[in-house]
Amino acid sequence: MAAELFGTNYRATVATSVPNLVRGAVIPMTVGFQALLPALGVIAAGSWVGYTVLAVAIAAILTLPETFHRELDYQERV
């Protein structure tokens, strides 16, 4: 889905970089969970981290531009 937002010359780079960025997001999620764990416990700390990540994901989806009926075969200028 992320590759559709870029021109043909950047699609391969985006398609390989986005999964790595998602994997890298686990680090701040783990740090946040570990920080909340002593005060809230396992269930509440996991819930806070989960709801936060869900809110960020929903915000990201809502701000994506629509690509329906858009010509996607273009070259981006650097």
PDB file of N, CA and C in Angstrom:
ATOM      1  N   MET A   1       0.823  -1.184   0.000  1.00  0.00           N
ATOM      2  CA  MET A   1       0.000   0.000   0.000  1.00  0.00           C
ATOM      3  C   MET A   1       0.872   1.254   0.000  1.00  0.00           C
ATOM      4  N   ALA A   2       1.976   1.221   0.706  1.00  0.00           N
ATOM      5  CA  ALA A   2       2.842   2.394   0.750  1.00  0.00           C
ATOM      6  C   ALA A   2       3.508   2.646  -0.594  1.00  0.00           C
ATOM      7  N   ALA A   3       3.812   1.591  -1.332  1.00  0.00           N
ATOM      8  CA  ALA A   3       4.495   1.753  -2.615  1.00  0.00           C
ATOM      9  C   ALA A   3       3.627   2.477  -3.635  1.00  0.00           C
ATOM     10  N   GLU A   4       2.302   2.419  -3.502  1.00  0.00           N
ATOM     11  CA  GLU A   4       1.416   3.090  -4.445  1.00  0.00           C
ATOM     12  C   GLU A   4       1.506   4.609  -4.356  1.00  0.00           C
ATOM     13  N   LEU A   5       2.042   5.125  -3.282  1.00  0.00           N
ATOM     14  CA  LEU A   5       2.102   6.569  -3.089  1.00  0.00           C
ATOM     15  C   LEU A   5       3.347   7.196  -3.706  1.00  0.00           C
ATOM     16  N   PHE A   6       4.212   6.379  -4.307  1.00  0.00           N
ATOM     17  CA  PHE A   6       5.460   6.875  -4.864  1.00  0.00           C
ATOM     18  C   PHE A   6       5.535   6.556  -6.340  1.00  0.00           C
ATOM     19  N   GLY A   7       6.378   7.290  -7.039  1.00  0.00           N
ATOM     20  CA  GLY A   7       6.585   7.053  -8.458  1.00  0.00           C
ATOM     21  C   GLY A   7       7.290   5.737  -8.705  1.00  0.00           C
ATOM     22  N   THR A   8       7.319   5.340  -9.972  1.00  0.00           N
ATOM     23  CA  THR A   8       7.863   4.028 -10.320  1.00  0.00           C
ATOM     24  C   THR A   8       9.337   3.889  -9.960  1.00  0.00           C
ATOM     25  N   ASN A   9      10.075   4.967  -9.928  1.00  0.00           N
ATOM     26  CA  ASN A   9      11.496   4.868  -9.617  1.00  0.00           C
ATOM     27  C   ASN A   9      11.763   4.701  -8.115  1.00  0.00           C
ATOM     28  N   TYR A  10      10.769   4.907  -7.259  1.00  0.00           N
ATOM     29  CA  TYR A  10      10.971   4.743  -5.816  1.00  0.00           C
ATOM     30  C   TYR A  10      10.191   3.580  -5.217  1.00  0.00           C
ATOM     31  N   ARG A  11       9.370   2.921  -6.005  1.00  0.00           N
ATOM     32  CA  ARG A  11       8.482   1.898  -5.452  1.00  0.00           C
ATOM     33  C   ARG A  11       9.229   0.735  -4.824  1.00  0.00           C
ATOM     34  N   ALA A  12      10.271   0.256  -5.459  1.00  0.00           N
ATOM     35  CA  ALA A  12      11.025  -0.877  -4.904  1.00  0.00           C
ATOM     36  C   ALA A  12      11.688  -0.493  -3.587  1.00  0.00           C
ATOM     37  N   THR A  13      12.212   0.710  -3.513  1.00  0.00           N
ATOM     38  CA  THR A  13      12.851   1.171  -2.280  1.00  0.00           C
ATOM     39  C   THR A  13      11.833   1.262  -1.154  1.00  0.00           C
ATOM     40  N   VAL A  14      10.676   1.807  -1.444  1.00  0.00           N
ATOM     41  CA  VAL A  14       9.635   1.945  -0.425  1.00  0.00           C
ATOM     42  C   VAL A  14       9.124   0.568   0.002  1.00  0.00           C
ATOM     43  N   ALA A  15       8.923  -0.318  -0.970  1.00  0.00           N
ATOM     44  CA  ALA A  15       8.385  -1.646  -0.663  1.00  0.00           C
ATOM     45  C   ALA A  15       9.332  -2.460   0.222  1.00  0.00           C
ATOM     46  N   THR A  16      10.631  -2.195   0.154  1.00  0.00           N
ATOM     47  CA  THR A  16      11.567  -2.914   1.023  1.00  0.00           C
ATOM     48  C   THR A  16      11.849  -2.161   2.316  1.00  0.00           C
ATOM     49  N   SER A  17      11.665  -0.845   2.329  1.00  0.00           N
ATOM     50  CA  SER A  17      11.962  -0.057   3.529  1.00  0.00           C
ATOM     51  C   SER A  17      10.831  -0.055   4.546  1.00  0.00           C
ATOM     52  N   VAL A  18       9.597  -0.047   4.093  1.00  0.00           N
ATOM     53  CA  VAL A  18       8.459   0.040   5.016  1.00  0.00           C
ATOM     54  C   VAL A  18       8.411  -1.137   5.990  1.00  0.00           C
ATOM     55  N   PRO A  19       8.588  -2.389   5.551  1.00  0.00           N
ATOM     56  CA  PRO A  19       8.583  -3.474   6.541  1.00  0.00           C
ATOM     57  C   PRO A  19       9.687  -3.334   7.592  1.00  0.00           C
ATOM     58  N   ASN A  20      10.835  -2.821   7.185  1.00  0.00           N
ATOM     59  CA  ASN A  20      11.915  -2.617   8.154  1.00  0.00           C
ATOM     60  C   ASN A  20      11.571  -1.513   9.144  1.00  0.00           C
ATOM     61  N   LEU A  21      10.894  -0.470   8.697  1.00  0.00           N
ATOM     62  CA  LEU A  21      10.457   0.590   9.608  1.00  0.00           C
ATOM     63  C   LEU A  21       9.417   0.064  10.589  1.00  0.00           C
ATOM     64  N   VAL A  22       8.545  -0.814  10.117  1.00  0.00           N
ATOM     65  CA  VAL A  22       7.551  -1.411  11.009  1.00  0.00           C
ATOM     66  C   VAL A  22       8.235  -2.280  12.056  1.00  0.00           C
ATOM     67  N   ARG A  23       9.212  -3.064  11.624  1.00  0.00           N
ATOM     68  CA  ARG A  23       9.964  -3.872  12.595  1.00  0.00           C
ATOM     69  C   ARG A  23      10.693  -2.983  13.601  1.00  0.00           C
ATOM     70  N   GLY A  24      11.222  -1.863  13.128  1.00  0.00           N
ATOM     71  CA  GLY A  24      11.919  -0.938  14.019  1.00  0.00           C
ATOM     72  C   GLY A  24      10.994  -0.265  15.016  1.00  0.00           C
ATOM     73  N   ALA A  25       9.705  -0.184  14.692  1.00  0.00           N
ATOM     74  CA  ALA A  25       8.734   0.424  15.608  1.00  0.00           C
ATOM     75  C   ALA A  25       8.507  -0.423  16.851  1.00  0.00           C
ATOM     76  N   VAL A  26       8.916  -1.678  16.810  1.00  0.00           N
ATOM     77  CA  VAL A  26       8.766  -2.551  17.977  1.00  0.00           C
ATOM     78  C   VAL A  26       9.635  -2.054  19.134  1.00  0.00           C
ATOM     79  N   ILE A  27      10.746  -1.423  18.839  1.00  0.00           N
ATOM     80  CA  ILE A  27      11.657  -0.960  19.890  1.00  0.00           C
ATOM     81  C   ILE A  27      10.995   0.095  20.773  1.00  0.00           C
ATOM     82  N   PRO A  28      10.432   1.193  20.229  1.00  0.00           N
ATOM     83  CA  PRO A  28       9.765   2.146  21.119  1.00  0.00           C
ATOM     84  C   PRO A  28       8.526   1.566  21.795  1.00  0.00           C
ATOM     85  N   MET A  29       7.852   0.621  21.131  1.00  0.00           N
ATOM     86  CA  MET A  29       6.703  -0.021  21.763  1.00  0.00           C
ATOM     87  C   MET A  29       7.146  -0.831  22.982  1.00  0.00           C
ATOM     88  N   THR A  30       8.253  -1.530  22.861  1.00  0.00           N
ATOM     89  CA  THR A  30       8.774  -2.320  23.977  1.00  0.00           C
ATOM     90  C   THR A  30       9.255  -1.419  25.107  1.00  0.00           C
ATOM     91  N   VAL A  31       9.923  -0.329  24.749  1.00  0.00           N
ATOM     92  CA  VAL A  31      10.384   0.614  25.773  1.00  0.00           C
ATOM     93  C   VAL A  31       9.192   1.214  26.519  1.00  0.00           C
ATOM     94  N   GLY A  32       8.149   1.585  25.782  1.00  0.00           N
ATOM     95  CA  GLY A  32       6.947   2.117  26.421  1.00  0.00           C
ATOM     96  C   GLY A  32       6.275   1.089  27.323  1.00  0.00           C
ATOM     97  N   PHE A  33       6.200  -0.143  26.859  1.00  0.00           N
ATOM     98  CA  PHE A  33       5.611  -1.201  27.668  1.00  0.00           C
ATOM     99  C   PHE A  33       6.410  -1.418  28.943  1.00  0.00           C
ATOM    100  N   GLN A  34       7.722  -1.462  28.824  1.00  0.00           N
ATOM    101  CA  GLN A  34       8.576  -1.663  30.002  1.00  0.00           C
ATOM    102  C   GLN A  34       8.476  -0.493  30.974  1.00  0.00           C
ATOM    103  N   ALA A  35       8.287   0.716  30.457  1.00  0.00           N
ATOM    104  CA  ALA A  35       8.164   1.881  31.333  1.00  0.00           C
ATOM    105  C   ALA A  35       6.837   1.872  32.084  1.00  0.00           C
ATOM    106  N   LEU A  36       5.769   1.405  31.436  1.00  0.00           N
ATOM    107  CA  LEU A  36       4.451   1.373  32.066  1.00  0.00           C
ATOM    108  C   LEU A  36       4.237   0.146  32.948  1.00  0.00           C
ATOM    109  N   LEU A  37       5.011  -0.884  32.742  1.00  0.00           N
ATOM    110  CA  LEU A  37       4.812  -2.154  33.433  1.00  0.00           C
ATOM    111  C   LEU A  37       4.836  -2.064  34.951  1.00  0.00           C
ATOM    112  N   PRO A  38       5.805  -1.404  35.582  1.00  0.00           N
ATOM    113  CA  PRO A  38       5.811  -1.369  37.053  1.00  0.00           C
ATOM    114  C   PRO A  38       4.596  -0.652  37.653  1.00  0.00           C
ATOM    115  N   ALA A  39       4.125   0.386  36.986  1.00  0.00           N
ATOM    116  CA  ALA A  39       3.029   1.173  37.547  1.00  0.00           C
ATOM    117  C   ALA A  39       1.660   0.576  37.247  1.00  0.00           C
ATOM    118  N   LEU A  40       1.493  -0.053  36.085  1.00  0.00           N
ATOM    119  CA  LEU A  40       0.171  -0.474  35.651  1.00  0.00           C
ATOM    120  C   LEU A  40      -0.051  -1.978  35.629  1.00  0.00           C
ATOM    121  N   GLY A  41       1.000  -2.750  35.529  1.00  0.00           N
ATOM    122  CA  GLY A  41       0.846  -4.192  35.393  1.00  0.00           C
ATOM    123  C   GLY A  41       0.825  -4.588  33.924  1.00  0.00           C
ATOM    124  N   VAL A  42       0.820  -5.887  33.687  1.00  0.00           N
ATOM    125  CA  VAL A  42       0.960  -6.402  32.331  1.00  0.00           C
ATOM    126  C   VAL A  42      -0.243  -6.041  31.453  1.00  0.00           C
ATOM    127  N   ILE A  43      -1.444  -6.296  31.945  1.00  0.00           N
ATOM    128  CA  ILE A  43      -2.641  -6.086  31.127  1.00  0.00           C
ATOM    129  C   ILE A  43      -2.830  -4.609  30.786  1.00  0.00           C
ATOM    130  N   ALA A  44      -2.747  -3.743  31.768  1.00  0.00           N
ATOM    131  CA  ALA A  44      -2.960  -2.314  31.529  1.00  0.00           C
ATOM    132  C   ALA A  44      -1.840  -1.711  30.681  1.00  0.00           C
ATOM    133  N   ALA A  45      -0.602  -2.107  30.923  1.00  0.00           N
ATOM    134  CA  ALA A  45       0.511  -1.580  30.123  1.00  0.00           C
ATOM    135  C   ALA A  45       0.377  -2.026  28.674  1.00  0.00           C
ATOM    136  N   GLY A  46       0.024  -3.280  28.458  1.00  0.00           N
ATOM    137  CA  GLY A  46      -0.196  -3.768  27.097  1.00  0.00           C
ATOM    138  C   GLY A  46      -1.362  -3.072  26.427  1.00  0.00           C
ATOM    139  N   SER A  47      -2.406  -2.809  27.201  1.00  0.00           N
ATOM    140  CA  SER A  47      -3.563  -2.107  26.651  1.00  0.00           C
ATOM    141  C   SER A  47      -3.204  -0.686  26.237  1.00  0.00           C
ATOM    142  N   TRP A  48      -2.461   0.021  27.064  1.00  0.00           N
ATOM    143  CA  TRP A  48      -2.058   1.395  26.731  1.00  0.00           C
ATOM    144  C   TRP A  48      -1.202   1.429  25.474  1.00  0.00           C
ATOM    145  N   VAL A  49      -0.237   0.524  25.400  1.00  0.00           N
ATOM    146  CA  VAL A  49       0.617   0.479  24.214  1.00  0.00           C
ATOM    147  C   VAL A  49      -0.210   0.101  22.988  1.00  0.00           C
ATOM    148  N   GLY A  50      -1.085  -0.877  23.127  1.00  0.00           N
ATOM    149  CA  GLY A  50      -1.921  -1.309  22.007  1.00  0.00           C
ATOM    150  C   GLY A  50      -2.854  -0.222  21.518  1.00  0.00           C
ATOM    151  N   TYR A  51      -3.510   0.472  22.433  1.00  0.00           N
ATOM    152  CA  TYR A  51      -4.417   1.555  22.037  1.00  0.00           C
ATOM    153  C   TYR A  51      -3.660   2.718  21.406  1.00  0.00           C
ATOM    154  N   THR A  52      -2.474   3.005  21.901  1.00  0.00           N
ATOM    155  CA  THR A  52      -1.660   4.075  21.322  1.00  0.00           C
ATOM    156  C   THR A  52      -1.258   3.733  19.893  1.00  0.00           C
ATOM    157  N   VAL A  53      -0.782   2.508  19.685  1.00  0.00           N
ATOM    158  CA  VAL A  53      -0.380   2.076  18.346  1.00  0.00           C
ATOM    159  C   VAL A  53      -1.591   2.051  17.411  1.00  0.00           C
ATOM    160  N   LEU A  54      -2.725   1.613  17.915  1.00  0.00           N
ATOM    161  CA  LEU A  54      -3.945   1.592  17.109  1.00  0.00           C
ATOM    162  C   LEU A  54      -4.367   3.006  16.716  1.00  0.00           C
ATOM    163  N   ALA A  55      -4.268   3.957  17.632  1.00  0.00           N
ATOM    164  CA  ALA A  55      -4.621   5.349  17.326  1.00  0.00           C
ATOM    165  C   ALA A  55      -3.686   5.931  16.268  1.00  0.00           C
ATOM    166  N   VAL A  56      -2.392   5.639  16.366  1.00  0.00           N
ATOM    167  CA  VAL A  56      -1.438   6.118  15.361  1.00  0.00           C
ATOM    168  C   VAL A  56      -1.739   5.487  14.007  1.00  0.00           C
ATOM    169  N   ALA A  57      -2.069   4.199  13.988  1.00  0.00           N
ATOM    170  CA  ALA A  57      -2.379   3.517  12.730  1.00  0.00           C
ATOM    171  C   ALA A  57      -3.638   4.084  12.087  1.00  0.00           C
ATOM    172  N   ILE A  58      -4.664   4.338  12.874  1.00  0.00           N
ATOM    173  CA  ILE A  58      -5.899   4.906  12.327  1.00  0.00           C
ATOM    174  C   ILE A  58      -5.654   6.310  11.788  1.00  0.00           C
ATOM    175  N   ALA A  59      -4.875   7.104  12.509  1.00  0.00           N
ATOM    176  CA  ALA A  59      -4.545   8.449  12.032  1.00  0.00           C
ATOM    177  C   ALA A  59      -3.761   8.382  10.720  1.00  0.00           C
ATOM    178  N   ALA A  60      -2.852   7.427  10.609  1.00  0.00           N
ATOM    179  CA  ALA A  60      -2.074   7.285   9.374  1.00  0.00           C
ATOM    180  C   ALA A  60      -2.960   6.881   8.206  1.00  0.00           C
ATOM    181  N   ILE A  61      -3.881   5.960   8.435  1.00  0.00           N
ATOM    182  CA  ILE A  61      -4.770   5.520   7.362  1.00  0.00           C
ATOM    183  C   ILE A  61      -5.683   6.655   6.914  1.00  0.00           C
ATOM    184  N   LEU A  62      -6.176   7.432   7.848  1.00  0.00           N
ATOM    185  CA  LEU A  62      -7.094   8.512   7.499  1.00  0.00           C
ATOM    186  C   LEU A  62      -6.421   9.653   6.745  1.00  0.00           C
ATOM    187  N   THR A  63      -5.110   9.797   6.881  1.00  0.00           N
ATOM    188  CA  THR A  63      -4.414  10.890   6.206  1.00  0.00           C
ATOM    189  C   THR A  63      -3.770  10.476   4.894  1.00  0.00           C
ATOM    190  N   LEU A  64      -3.887   9.202   4.506  1.00  0.00           N
ATOM    191  CA  LEU A  64      -3.330   8.763   3.231  1.00  0.00           C
ATOM    192  C   LEU A  64      -4.154   9.321   2.082  1.00  0.00           C
ATOM    193  N   PRO A  65      -3.497   9.815   1.046  1.00  0.00           N
ATOM    194  CA  PRO A  65      -4.257  10.292  -0.107  1.00  0.00           C
ATOM    195  C   PRO A  65      -4.822   9.114  -0.907  1.00  0.00           C
ATOM    196  N   GLU A  66      -5.969   9.307  -1.517  1.00  0.00           N
ATOM    197  CA  GLU A  66      -6.610   8.273  -2.320  1.00  0.00           C
ATOM    198  C   GLU A  66      -5.900   8.168  -3.665  1.00  0.00           C
ATOM    199  N   THR A  67      -5.605   6.954  -4.120  1.00  0.00           N
ATOM    200  CA  THR A  67      -4.917   6.755  -5.401  1.00  0.00           C
ATOM    201  C   THR A  67      -5.843   6.202  -6.479  1.00  0.00           C
ATOM    202  N   PHE A  68      -7.132   6.094  -6.215  1.00  0.00           N
ATOM    203  CA  PHE A  68      -8.076   5.596  -7.212  1.00  0.00           C
ATOM    204  C   PHE A  68      -8.198   6.604  -8.346  1.00  0.00           C
ATOM    205  N   HIS A  69      -8.123   6.140  -9.578  1.00  0.00           N
ATOM    206  CA  HIS A  69      -8.172   6.950 -10.787  1.00  0.00           C
ATOM    207  C   HIS A  69      -6.986   7.895 -10.926  1.00  0.00           C
ATOM    208  N   ARG A  70      -5.912   7.622 -10.250  1.00  0.00           N
ATOM    209  CA  ARG A  70      -4.713   8.448 -10.389  1.00  0.00           C
ATOM    210  C   ARG A  70      -3.701   7.686 -11.239  1.00  0.00           C
ATOM    211  N   GLU A  71      -3.057   8.380 -12.155  1.00  0.00           N
ATOM    212  CA  GLU A  71      -2.021   7.763 -12.961  1.00  0.00           C
ATOM    213  C   GLU A  71      -0.795   7.522 -12.083  1.00  0.00           C
ATOM    214  N   LEU A  72      -0.421   6.256 -11.940  1.00  0.00           N
ATOM    215  CA  LEU A  72       0.677   5.903 -11.040  1.00  0.00           C
ATOM    216  C   LEU A  72       1.981   5.627 -11.770  1.00  0.00           C
ATOM    217  N   ASP A  73       1.973   5.736 -13.073  1.00  0.00           N
ATOM    218  CA  ASP A  73       3.183   5.485 -13.854  1.00  0.00           C
ATOM    219  C   ASP A  73       3.889   6.806 -14.118  1.00  0.00           C
ATOM    220  N   TYR A  74       4.540   7.346 -13.091  1.00  0.00           N
ATOM    221  CA  TYR A  74       5.223   8.608 -13.230  1.00  0.00           C
ATOM    222  C   TYR A  74       6.595   8.514 -12.585  1.00  0.00           C
ATOM    223  N   GLN A  75       7.446   9.436 -12.946  1.00  0.00           N
ATOM    224  CA  GLN A  75       8.782   9.510 -12.384  1.00  0.00           C
ATOM    225  C   GLN A  75       8.854  10.708 -11.461  1.00  0.00           C
ATOM    226  N   GLU A  76       9.331  10.487 -10.256  1.00  0.00           N
ATOM    227  CA  GLU A  76       9.484  11.600  -9.331  1.00  0.00           C
ATOM    228  C   GLU A  76      10.780  12.334  -9.609  1.00  0.00           C
ATOM    229  N   ARG A  77      10.749  13.630  -9.458  1.00  0.00           N
ATOM    230  CA  ARG A  77      11.956  14.434  -9.630  1.00  0.00           C
ATOM    231  C   ARG A  77      12.602  14.634  -8.276  1.00  0.00           C
ATOM    232  N   VAL A  78      13.898  14.489  -8.257  1.00  0.00           N
ATOM    233  CA  VAL A  78      14.646  14.620  -7.001  1.00  0.00           C
ATOM    234  C   VAL A  78      15.063  16.042  -6.772  1.00  0.00           C
TER     235      VAL A  78
END
